[in-house]
Amino acid sequence: MDAFGALADPTRRRILQHIAVSEPQSVAEICAPLDITPSAVSQHLKILAQADFVKVVKRGNCRIYSVNFEEIGKIQAWISDLGLGLKQSFDRLDELLNTRKDGT
């Protein structure tokens, strides 16, 4: 699944937000405050890991999840670039409209 597909689900966004502000956590630790079943959290974490939004470290028979902020940064940079491009397009349109309005 691609990055935006992974982020499309509100539960995955909640999970990602939760672990972003927490210490690295196991599935059981993630479930408790979010009131989501462990199997559901595991499925969502699998998708987030495939999209490279979470890192997984195996400790014994437990998997510990943390946010991959580098990948989040790539999405953030892409969105910023998109916004800048749109702003520049609107600025050029403003200039064109102002020029025509002034009659020059």
PDB file of N, CA and C in Angstrom:
ATOM      1  N   MET A   1       0.854  -1.181   0.000  1.00  0.00           N
ATOM      2  CA  MET A   1       0.000   0.000   0.000  1.00  0.00           C
ATOM      3  C   MET A   1       0.900   1.244   0.000  1.00  0.00           C
ATOM      4  N   ASP A   2       0.488   2.258  -0.724  1.00  0.00           N
ATOM      5  CA  ASP A   2       1.288   3.481  -0.770  1.00  0.00           C
ATOM      6  C   ASP A   2       1.066   4.327   0.483  1.00  0.00           C
ATOM      7  N   ALA A   3       1.866   5.375   0.605  1.00  0.00           N
ATOM      8  CA  ALA A   3       1.846   6.212   1.808  1.00  0.00           C
ATOM      9  C   ALA A   3       0.466   6.811   2.071  1.00  0.00           C
ATOM     10  N   PHE A   4      -0.163   7.347   1.046  1.00  0.00           N
ATOM     11  CA  PHE A   4      -1.447   8.008   1.266  1.00  0.00           C
ATOM     12  C   PHE A   4      -2.554   7.005   1.528  1.00  0.00           C
ATOM     13  N   GLY A   5      -2.460   5.826   0.949  1.00  0.00           N
ATOM     14  CA  GLY A   5      -3.413   4.767   1.262  1.00  0.00           C
ATOM     15  C   GLY A   5      -3.298   4.353   2.716  1.00  0.00           C
ATOM     16  N   ALA A   6      -2.062   4.273   3.201  1.00  0.00           N
ATOM     17  CA  ALA A   6      -1.846   3.904   4.605  1.00  0.00           C
ATOM     18  C   ALA A   6      -2.394   4.969   5.544  1.00  0.00           C
ATOM     19  N   LEU A   7      -2.281   6.218   5.146  1.00  0.00           N
ATOM     20  CA  LEU A   7      -2.753   7.317   5.997  1.00  0.00           C
ATOM     21  C   LEU A   7      -4.238   7.617   5.831  1.00  0.00           C
ATOM     22  N   ALA A   8      -4.870   6.974   4.871  1.00  0.00           N
ATOM     23  CA  ALA A   8      -6.286   7.258   4.606  1.00  0.00           C
ATOM     24  C   ALA A   8      -7.198   6.798   5.739  1.00  0.00           C
ATOM     25  N   ASP A   9      -6.788   5.777   6.449  1.00  0.00           N
ATOM     26  CA  ASP A   9      -7.630   5.231   7.507  1.00  0.00           C
ATOM     27  C   ASP A   9      -7.459   6.028   8.800  1.00  0.00           C
ATOM     28  N   PRO A  10      -8.560   6.519   9.397  1.00  0.00           N
ATOM     29  CA  PRO A  10      -8.444   7.318  10.622  1.00  0.00           C
ATOM     30  C   PRO A  10      -7.864   6.546  11.810  1.00  0.00           C
ATOM     31  N   THR A  11      -8.107   5.248  11.868  1.00  0.00           N
ATOM     32  CA  THR A  11      -7.531   4.454  12.963  1.00  0.00           C
ATOM     33  C   THR A  11      -6.023   4.389  12.838  1.00  0.00           C
ATOM     34  N   ARG A  12      -5.517   4.217  11.623  1.00  0.00           N
ATOM     35  CA  ARG A  12      -4.063   4.198  11.429  1.00  0.00           C
ATOM     36  C   ARG A  12      -3.457   5.553  11.778  1.00  0.00           C
ATOM     37  N   ARG A  13      -4.151   6.627  11.450  1.00  0.00           N
ATOM     38  CA  ARG A  13      -3.643   7.959  11.815  1.00  0.00           C
ATOM     39  C   ARG A  13      -3.604   8.120  13.331  1.00  0.00           C
ATOM     40  N   ARG A  14      -4.616   7.618  14.033  1.00  0.00           N
ATOM     41  CA  ARG A  14      -4.626   7.677  15.509  1.00  0.00           C
ATOM     42  C   ARG A  14      -3.476   6.872  16.098  1.00  0.00           C
ATOM     43  N   ILE A  15      -3.266   5.676  15.562  1.00  0.00           N
ATOM     44  CA  ILE A  15      -2.166   4.837  16.046  1.00  0.00           C
ATOM     45  C   ILE A  15      -0.830   5.527  15.812  1.00  0.00           C
ATOM     46  N   LEU A  16      -0.644   6.055  14.628  1.00  0.00           N
ATOM     47  CA  LEU A  16       0.603   6.743  14.289  1.00  0.00           C
ATOM     48  C   LEU A  16       0.823   7.952  15.191  1.00  0.00           C
ATOM     49  N   GLN A  17      -0.223   8.719  15.404  1.00  0.00           N
ATOM     50  CA  GLN A  17      -0.132   9.886  16.276  1.00  0.00           C
ATOM     51  C   GLN A  17       0.206   9.466  17.707  1.00  0.00           C
ATOM     52  N   HIS A  18      -0.403   8.392  18.170  1.00  0.00           N
ATOM     53  CA  HIS A  18      -0.159   7.911  19.538  1.00  0.00           C
ATOM     54  C   HIS A  18       1.301   7.506  19.724  1.00  0.00           C
ATOM     55  N   ILE A  19       1.823   6.712  18.804  1.00  0.00           N
ATOM     56  CA  ILE A  19       3.202   6.263  19.000  1.00  0.00           C
ATOM     57  C   ILE A  19       4.213   7.352  18.670  1.00  0.00           C
ATOM     58  N   ALA A  20       3.797   8.373  17.951  1.00  0.00           N
ATOM     59  CA  ALA A  20       4.713   9.488  17.652  1.00  0.00           C
ATOM     60  C   ALA A  20       5.046  10.292  18.901  1.00  0.00           C
ATOM     61  N   VAL A  21       4.117  10.337  19.841  1.00  0.00           N
ATOM     62  CA  VAL A  21       4.341  11.128  21.063  1.00  0.00           C
ATOM     63  C   VAL A  21       4.673  10.253  22.265  1.00  0.00           C
ATOM     64  N   SER A  22       4.914   8.972  22.021  1.00  0.00           N
ATOM     65  CA  SER A  22       5.204   8.026  23.098  1.00  0.00           C
ATOM     66  C   SER A  22       6.580   7.406  22.893  1.00  0.00           C
ATOM     67  N   GLU A  23       6.986   6.685  23.902  1.00  0.00           N
ATOM     68  CA  GLU A  23       8.169   5.827  23.767  1.00  0.00           C
ATOM     69  C   GLU A  23       7.803   4.712  22.783  1.00  0.00           C
ATOM     70  N   PRO A  24       8.797   4.056  22.184  1.00  0.00           N
ATOM     71  CA  PRO A  24       8.479   2.869  21.378  1.00  0.00           C
ATOM     72  C   PRO A  24       7.652   1.889  22.208  1.00  0.00           C
ATOM     73  N   GLN A  25       6.636   1.290  21.582  1.00  0.00           N
ATOM     74  CA  GLN A  25       5.674   0.481  22.323  1.00  0.00           C
ATOM     75  C   GLN A  25       5.362  -0.827  21.630  1.00  0.00           C
ATOM     76  N   SER A  26       4.902  -1.778  22.441  1.00  0.00           N
ATOM     77  CA  SER A  26       4.406  -3.051  21.917  1.00  0.00           C
ATOM     78  C   SER A  26       2.943  -2.871  21.498  1.00  0.00           C
ATOM     79  N   VAL A  27       2.417  -3.878  20.822  1.00  0.00           N
ATOM     80  CA  VAL A  27       1.012  -3.843  20.419  1.00  0.00           C
ATOM     81  C   VAL A  27       0.114  -3.690  21.643  1.00  0.00           C
ATOM     82  N   ALA A  28       0.401  -4.428  22.698  1.00  0.00           N
ATOM     83  CA  ALA A  28      -0.422  -4.356  23.909  1.00  0.00           C
ATOM     84  C   ALA A  28      -0.424  -2.949  24.499  1.00  0.00           C
ATOM     85  N   GLU A  29       0.723  -2.295  24.490  1.00  0.00           N
ATOM     86  CA  GLU A  29       0.815  -0.933  25.032  1.00  0.00           C
ATOM     87  C   GLU A  29       0.086   0.072  24.142  1.00  0.00           C
ATOM     88  N   ILE A  30       0.073  -0.180  22.856  1.00  0.00           N
ATOM     89  CA  ILE A  30      -0.624   0.716  21.925  1.00  0.00           C
ATOM     90  C   ILE A  30      -2.139   0.566  22.074  1.00  0.00           C
ATOM     91  N   CYS A  31      -2.600  -0.663  22.297  1.00  0.00           N
ATOM     92  CA  CYS A  31      -4.043  -0.951  22.389  1.00  0.00           C
ATOM     93  C   CYS A  31      -4.724  -0.239  23.546  1.00  0.00           C
ATOM     94  N   ALA A  32      -4.099  -0.277  24.703  1.00  0.00           N
ATOM     95  CA  ALA A  32      -4.750   0.174  25.940  1.00  0.00           C
ATOM     96  C   ALA A  32      -5.375   1.563  25.849  1.00  0.00           C
ATOM     97  N   PRO A  33      -4.621   2.621  25.568  1.00  0.00           N
ATOM     98  CA  PRO A  33      -5.243   3.949  25.576  1.00  0.00           C
ATOM     99  C   PRO A  33      -6.156   4.207  24.376  1.00  0.00           C
ATOM    100  N   LEU A  34      -5.996   3.441  23.307  1.00  0.00           N
ATOM    101  CA  LEU A  34      -6.794   3.681  22.101  1.00  0.00           C
ATOM    102  C   LEU A  34      -8.066   2.850  22.056  1.00  0.00           C
ATOM    103  N   ASP A  35      -8.209   1.897  22.988  1.00  0.00           N
ATOM    104  CA  ASP A  35      -9.381   1.031  23.044  1.00  0.00           C
ATOM    105  C   ASP A  35      -9.625   0.323  21.711  1.00  0.00           C
ATOM    106  N   ILE A  36      -8.556  -0.311  21.207  1.00  0.00           N
ATOM    107  CA  ILE A  36      -8.608  -1.072  19.962  1.00  0.00           C
ATOM    108  C   ILE A  36      -8.071  -2.467  20.272  1.00  0.00           C
ATOM    109  N   THR A  37      -8.633  -3.483  19.654  1.00  0.00           N
ATOM    110  CA  THR A  37      -8.182  -4.847  19.923  1.00  0.00           C
ATOM    111  C   THR A  37      -6.757  -5.059  19.411  1.00  0.00           C
ATOM    112  N   PRO A  38      -6.015  -5.936  20.054  1.00  0.00           N
ATOM    113  CA  PRO A  38      -4.646  -6.212  19.604  1.00  0.00           C
ATOM    114  C   PRO A  38      -4.565  -6.689  18.150  1.00  0.00           C
ATOM    115  N   SER A  39      -5.503  -7.517  17.735  1.00  0.00           N
ATOM    116  CA  SER A  39      -5.448  -7.996  16.347  1.00  0.00           C
ATOM    117  C   SER A  39      -5.679  -6.854  15.356  1.00  0.00           C
ATOM    118  N   ALA A  40      -6.581  -5.947  15.683  1.00  0.00           N
ATOM    119  CA  ALA A  40      -6.820  -4.792  14.804  1.00  0.00           C
ATOM    120  C   ALA A  40      -5.583  -3.889  14.755  1.00  0.00           C
ATOM    121  N   VAL A  41      -4.982  -3.647  15.911  1.00  0.00           N
ATOM    122  CA  VAL A  41      -3.772  -2.818  15.952  1.00  0.00           C
ATOM    123  C   VAL A  41      -2.660  -3.476  15.142  1.00  0.00           C
ATOM    124  N   SER A  42      -2.502  -4.784  15.284  1.00  0.00           N
ATOM    125  CA  SER A  42      -1.470  -5.503  14.525  1.00  0.00           C
ATOM    126  C   SER A  42      -1.666  -5.347  13.022  1.00  0.00           C
ATOM    127  N   GLN A  43      -2.912  -5.459  12.572  1.00  0.00           N
ATOM    128  CA  GLN A  43      -3.195  -5.295  11.137  1.00  0.00           C
ATOM    129  C   GLN A  43      -2.852  -3.883  10.670  1.00  0.00           C
ATOM    130  N   HIS A  44      -3.240  -2.892  11.447  1.00  0.00           N
ATOM    131  CA  HIS A  44      -2.940  -1.509  11.080  1.00  0.00           C
ATOM    132  C   HIS A  44      -1.439  -1.241  11.098  1.00  0.00           C
ATOM    133  N   LEU A  45      -0.749  -1.783  12.091  1.00  0.00           N
ATOM    134  CA  LEU A  45       0.706  -1.599  12.169  1.00  0.00           C
ATOM    135  C   LEU A  45       1.413  -2.270  11.004  1.00  0.00           C
ATOM    136  N   LYS A  46       0.890  -3.384  10.551  1.00  0.00           N
ATOM    137  CA  LYS A  46       1.463  -4.066   9.392  1.00  0.00           C
ATOM    138  C   LYS A  46       1.410  -3.157   8.163  1.00  0.00           C
ATOM    139  N   ILE A  47       0.286  -2.502   7.969  1.00  0.00           N
ATOM    140  CA  ILE A  47       0.129  -1.588   6.827  1.00  0.00           C
ATOM    141  C   ILE A  47       1.039  -0.374   6.994  1.00  0.00           C
ATOM    142  N   LEU A  48       1.103   0.169   8.199  1.00  0.00           N
ATOM    143  CA  LEU A  48       1.985   1.316   8.452  1.00  0.00           C
ATOM    144  C   LEU A  48       3.451   0.939   8.256  1.00  0.00           C
ATOM    145  N   ALA A  49       3.817  -0.277   8.606  1.00  0.00           N
ATOM    146  CA  ALA A  49       5.196  -0.738   8.406  1.00  0.00           C
ATOM    147  C   ALA A  49       5.496  -0.930   6.921  1.00  0.00           C
ATOM    148  N   GLN A  50       4.532  -1.448   6.165  1.00  0.00           N
ATOM    149  CA  GLN A  50       4.719  -1.623   4.720  1.00  0.00           C
ATOM    150  C   GLN A  50       4.915  -0.278   4.029  1.00  0.00           C
ATOM    151  N   ALA A  51       4.246   0.747   4.549  1.00  0.00           N
ATOM    152  CA  ALA A  51       4.396   2.100   3.999  1.00  0.00           C
ATOM    153  C   ALA A  51       5.623   2.799   4.580  1.00  0.00           C
ATOM    154  N   ASP A  52       6.335   2.136   5.461  1.00  0.00           N
ATOM    155  CA  ASP A  52       7.570   2.628   6.084  1.00  0.00           C
ATOM    156  C   ASP A  52       7.334   3.773   7.068  1.00  0.00           C
ATOM    157  N   PHE A  53       6.127   3.864   7.624  1.00  0.00           N
ATOM    158  CA  PHE A  53       5.824   4.892   8.616  1.00  0.00           C
ATOM    159  C   PHE A  53       6.206   4.473  10.029  1.00  0.00           C
ATOM    160  N   VAL A  54       6.329   3.173  10.252  1.00  0.00           N
ATOM    161  CA  VAL A  54       6.757   2.703  11.561  1.00  0.00           C
ATOM    162  C   VAL A  54       7.956   1.783  11.412  1.00  0.00           C
ATOM    163  N   LYS A  55       8.790   1.802  12.433  1.00  0.00           N
ATOM    164  CA  LYS A  55       9.924   0.883  12.524  1.00  0.00           C
ATOM    165  C   LYS A  55       9.549  -0.195  13.521  1.00  0.00           C
ATOM    166  N   VAL A  56      10.010  -1.406  13.268  1.00  0.00           N
ATOM    167  CA  VAL A  56       9.712  -2.537  14.130  1.00  0.00           C
ATOM    168  C   VAL A  56      11.028  -3.147  14.604  1.00  0.00           C
ATOM    169  N   VAL A  57      11.143  -3.320  15.914  1.00  0.00           N
ATOM    170  CA  VAL A  57      12.299  -3.974  16.507  1.00  0.00           C
ATOM    171  C   VAL A  57      11.786  -5.168  17.292  1.00  0.00           C
ATOM    172  N   LYS A  58      12.391  -6.322  17.066  1.00  0.00           N
ATOM    173  CA  LYS A  58      11.958  -7.520  17.780  1.00  0.00           C
ATOM    174  C   LYS A  58      12.781  -7.661  19.051  1.00  0.00           C
ATOM    175  N   ARG A  59      12.087  -7.726  20.188  1.00  0.00           N
ATOM    176  CA  ARG A  59      12.708  -7.963  21.498  1.00  0.00           C
ATOM    177  C   ARG A  59      12.112  -9.224  22.090  1.00  0.00           C
ATOM    178  N   GLY A  60      12.888 -10.288  22.041  1.00  0.00           N
ATOM    179  CA  GLY A  60      12.361 -11.569  22.490  1.00  0.00           C
ATOM    180  C   GLY A  60      11.229 -11.995  21.578  1.00  0.00           C
ATOM    181  N   ASN A  61      10.084 -12.287  22.168  1.00  0.00           N
ATOM    182  CA  ASN A  61       8.919 -12.654  21.356  1.00  0.00           C
ATOM    183  C   ASN A  61       7.969 -11.470  21.166  1.00  0.00           C
ATOM    184  N   CYS A  62       8.438 -10.278  21.446  1.00  0.00           N
ATOM    185  CA  CYS A  62       7.618  -9.060  21.362  1.00  0.00           C
ATOM    186  C   CYS A  62       8.170  -8.140  20.279  1.00  0.00           C
ATOM    187  N   ARG A  63       7.284  -7.468  19.592  1.00  0.00           N
ATOM    188  CA  ARG A  63       7.685  -6.474  18.593  1.00  0.00           C
ATOM    189  C   ARG A  63       7.407  -5.080  19.172  1.00  0.00           C
ATOM    190  N   ILE A  64       8.392  -4.216  19.026  1.00  0.00           N
ATOM    191  CA  ILE A  64       8.283  -2.854  19.545  1.00  0.00           C
ATOM    192  C   ILE A  64       8.214  -1.903  18.349  1.00  0.00           C
ATOM    193  N   TYR A  65       7.244  -1.006  18.380  1.00  0.00           N
ATOM    194  CA  TYR A  65       6.980  -0.104  17.257  1.00  0.00           C
ATOM    195  C   TYR A  65       7.324   1.335  17.626  1.00  0.00           C
ATOM    196  N   SER A  66       7.923   2.023  16.664  1.00  0.00           N
ATOM    197  CA  SER A  66       8.187   3.455  16.803  1.00  0.00           C
ATOM    198  C   SER A  66       7.950   4.110  15.444  1.00  0.00           C
ATOM    199  N   VAL A  67       7.795   5.412  15.449  1.00  0.00           N
ATOM    200  CA  VAL A  67       7.521   6.147  14.211  1.00  0.00           C
ATOM    201  C   VAL A  67       8.819   6.360  13.444  1.00  0.00           C
ATOM    202  N   ASN A  68       8.747   6.200  12.141  1.00  0.00           N
ATOM    203  CA  ASN A  68       9.865   6.500  11.257  1.00  0.00           C
ATOM    204  C   ASN A  68       9.702   7.960  10.819  1.00  0.00           C
ATOM    205  N   PHE A  69      10.285   8.858  11.590  1.00  0.00           N
ATOM    206  CA  PHE A  69      10.107  10.287  11.326  1.00  0.00           C
ATOM    207  C   PHE A  69      10.735  10.723  10.007  1.00  0.00           C
ATOM    208  N   GLU A  70      11.712   9.980   9.530  1.00  0.00           N
ATOM    209  CA  GLU A  70      12.320  10.305   8.232  1.00  0.00           C
ATOM    210  C   GLU A  70      11.282  10.189   7.117  1.00  0.00           C
ATOM    211  N   GLU A  71      10.500   9.114   7.152  1.00  0.00           N
ATOM    212  CA  GLU A  71       9.459   8.926   6.132  1.00  0.00           C
ATOM    213  C   GLU A  71       8.349   9.964   6.284  1.00  0.00           C
ATOM    214  N   ILE A  72       7.975  10.274   7.515  1.00  0.00           N
ATOM    215  CA  ILE A  72       6.974  11.318   7.762  1.00  0.00           C
ATOM    216  C   ILE A  72       7.484  12.645   7.203  1.00  0.00           C
ATOM    217  N   GLY A  73       8.774  12.911   7.380  1.00  0.00           N
ATOM    218  CA  GLY A  73       9.375  14.139   6.864  1.00  0.00           C
ATOM    219  C   GLY A  73       9.296  14.237   5.350  1.00  0.00           C
ATOM    220  N   LYS A  74       9.424  13.100   4.661  1.00  0.00           N
ATOM    221  CA  LYS A  74       9.312  13.104   3.197  1.00  0.00           C
ATOM    222  C   LYS A  74       7.911  13.524   2.760  1.00  0.00           C
ATOM    223  N   ILE A  75       6.907  13.004   3.448  1.00  0.00           N
ATOM    224  CA  ILE A  75       5.517  13.368   3.124  1.00  0.00           C
ATOM    225  C   ILE A  75       5.287  14.843   3.428  1.00  0.00           C
ATOM    226  N   GLN A  76       5.801  15.291   4.557  1.00  0.00           N
ATOM    227  CA  GLN A  76       5.648  16.693   4.942  1.00  0.00           C
ATOM    228  C   GLN A  76       6.316  17.611   3.917  1.00  0.00           C
ATOM    229  N   ALA A  77       7.504  17.233   3.449  1.00  0.00           N
ATOM    230  CA  ALA A  77       8.214  18.036   2.444  1.00  0.00           C
ATOM    231  C   ALA A  77       7.437  18.073   1.132  1.00  0.00           C
ATOM    232  N   TRP A  78       6.864  16.941   0.747  1.00  0.00           N
ATOM    233  CA  TRP A  78       6.090  16.889  -0.492  1.00  0.00           C
ATOM    234  C   TRP A  78       4.871  17.808  -0.404  1.00  0.00           C
ATOM    235  N   ILE A  79       4.195  17.773   0.736  1.00  0.00           N
ATOM    236  CA  ILE A  79       3.018  18.630   0.922  1.00  0.00           C
ATOM    237  C   ILE A  79       3.425  20.101   0.912  1.00  0.00           C
ATOM    238  N   SER A  80       4.542  20.427   1.544  1.00  0.00           N
ATOM    239  CA  SER A  80       5.031  21.814   1.548  1.00  0.00           C
ATOM    240  C   SER A  80       5.360  22.277   0.136  1.00  0.00           C
ATOM    241  N   ASP A  81       6.028  21.413  -0.629  1.00  0.00           N
ATOM    242  CA  ASP A  81       6.359  21.752  -2.014  1.00  0.00           C
ATOM    243  C   ASP A  81       5.105  21.966  -2.840  1.00  0.00           C
ATOM    244  N   LEU A  82       4.118  21.128  -2.628  1.00  0.00           N
ATOM    245  CA  LEU A  82       2.854  21.257  -3.342  1.00  0.00           C
ATOM    246  C   LEU A  82       2.200  22.595  -3.014  1.00  0.00           C
ATOM    247  N   GLY A  83       2.177  22.942  -1.736  1.00  0.00           N
ATOM    248  CA  GLY A  83       1.580  24.215  -1.317  1.00  0.00           C
ATOM    249  C   GLY A  83       2.320  25.398  -1.895  1.00  0.00           C
ATOM    250  N   LEU A  84       3.652  25.326  -1.933  1.00  0.00           N
ATOM    251  CA  LEU A  84       4.451  26.413  -2.502  1.00  0.00           C
ATOM    252  C   LEU A  84       4.169  26.561  -3.990  1.00  0.00           C
ATOM    253  N   GLY A  85       4.076  25.431  -4.692  1.00  0.00           N
ATOM    254  CA  GLY A  85       3.774  25.472  -6.119  1.00  0.00           C
ATOM    255  C   GLY A  85       2.416  26.098  -6.394  1.00  0.00           C
ATOM    256  N   LEU A  86       1.430  25.738  -5.585  1.00  0.00           N
ATOM    257  CA  LEU A  86       0.098  26.316  -5.758  1.00  0.00           C
ATOM    258  C   LEU A  86       0.098  27.808  -5.452  1.00  0.00           C
ATOM    259  N   LYS A  87       0.819  28.205  -4.407  1.00  0.00           N
ATOM    260  CA  LYS A  87       0.902  29.627  -4.056  1.00  0.00           C
ATOM    261  C   LYS A  87       1.534  30.413  -5.196  1.00  0.00           C
ATOM    262  N   GLN A  88       2.604  29.876  -5.781  1.00  0.00           N
ATOM    263  CA  GLN A  88       3.267  30.566  -6.887  1.00  0.00           C
ATOM    264  C   GLN A  88       2.335  30.687  -8.092  1.00  0.00           C
ATOM    265  N   SER A  89       1.549  29.650  -8.350  1.00  0.00           N
ATOM    266  CA  SER A  89       0.595  29.706  -9.461  1.00  0.00           C
ATOM    267  C   SER A  89      -0.457  30.777  -9.221  1.00  0.00           C
ATOM    268  N   PHE A  90      -0.968  30.855  -7.999  1.00  0.00           N
ATOM    269  CA  PHE A  90      -1.971  31.866  -7.682  1.00  0.00           C
ATOM    270  C   PHE A  90      -1.366  33.268  -7.713  1.00  0.00           C
ATOM    271  N   ASP A  91      -0.110  33.407  -7.291  1.00  0.00           N
ATOM    272  CA  ASP A  91       0.560  34.710  -7.367  1.00  0.00           C
ATOM    273  C   ASP A  91       0.679  35.171  -8.818  1.00  0.00           C
ATOM    274  N   ARG A  92       1.040  34.259  -9.724  1.00  0.00           N
ATOM    275  CA  ARG A  92       1.137  34.612 -11.149  1.00  0.00           C
ATOM    276  C   ARG A  92      -0.232  34.986 -11.708  1.00  0.00           C
ATOM    277  N   LEU A  93      -1.261  34.260 -11.300  1.00  0.00           N
ATOM    278  CA  LEU A  93      -2.617  34.582 -11.746  1.00  0.00           C
ATOM    279  C   LEU A  93      -3.030  35.954 -11.241  1.00  0.00           C
ATOM    280  N   ASP A  94      -2.717  36.266  -9.986  1.00  0.00           N
ATOM    281  CA  ASP A  94      -3.004  37.599  -9.439  1.00  0.00           C
ATOM    282  C   ASP A  94      -2.329  38.685 -10.256  1.00  0.00           C
ATOM    283  N   GLU A  95      -1.055  38.477 -10.585  1.00  0.00           N
ATOM    284  CA  GLU A  95      -0.321  39.459 -11.381  1.00  0.00           C
ATOM    285  C   GLU A  95      -0.980  39.666 -12.739  1.00  0.00           C
ATOM    286  N   LEU A  96      -1.362  38.578 -13.375  1.00  0.00           N
ATOM    287  CA  LEU A  96      -2.009  38.663 -14.687  1.00  0.00           C
ATOM    288  C   LEU A  96      -3.339  39.405 -14.589  1.00  0.00           C
ATOM    289  N   LEU A  97      -4.135  39.081 -13.617  1.00  0.00           N
ATOM    290  CA  LEU A  97      -5.436  39.732 -13.453  1.00  0.00           C
ATOM    291  C   LEU A  97      -5.272  41.211 -13.126  1.00  0.00           C
ATOM    292  N   ASN A  98      -4.312  41.541 -12.279  1.00  0.00           N
ATOM    293  CA  ASN A  98      -4.060  42.951 -11.938  1.00  0.00           C
ATOM    294  C   ASN A  98      -3.574  43.736 -13.155  1.00  0.00           C
ATOM    295  N   THR A  99      -2.754  43.103 -13.987  1.00  0.00           N
ATOM    296  CA  THR A  99      -2.268  43.748 -15.201  1.00  0.00           C
ATOM    297  C   THR A  99      -3.430  44.037 -16.143  1.00  0.00           C
ATOM    298  N   ARG A 100      -4.312  43.075 -16.305  1.00  0.00           N
ATOM    299  CA  ARG A 100      -5.468  43.260 -17.207  1.00  0.00           C
ATOM    300  C   ARG A 100      -6.447  44.277 -16.635  1.00  0.00           C
ATOM    301  N   LYS A 101      -6.588  44.279 -15.327  1.00  0.00           N
ATOM    302  CA  LYS A 101      -7.500  45.222 -14.678  1.00  0.00           C
ATOM    303  C   LYS A 101      -6.998  46.670 -14.849  1.00  0.00           C
ATOM    304  N   ASP A 102      -5.667  46.836 -14.792  1.00  0.00           N
ATOM    305  CA  ASP A 102      -5.060  48.160 -14.961  1.00  0.00           C
ATOM    306  C   ASP A 102      -5.066  48.603 -16.415  1.00  0.00           C
ATOM    307  N   GLY A 103      -5.358  47.697 -17.350  1.00  0.00           N
ATOM    308  CA  GLY A 103      -5.409  48.039 -18.744  1.00  0.00           C
ATOM    309  C   GLY A 103      -4.059  48.032 -19.426  1.00  0.00           C
ATOM    310  N   THR A 104      -3.082  47.461 -18.793  1.00  0.00           N
ATOM    311  CA  THR A 104      -1.747  47.419 -19.444  1.00  0.00           C
ATOM    312  C   THR A 104      -1.430  46.047 -19.943  1.00  0.00           C
TER     313      THR A 104
END
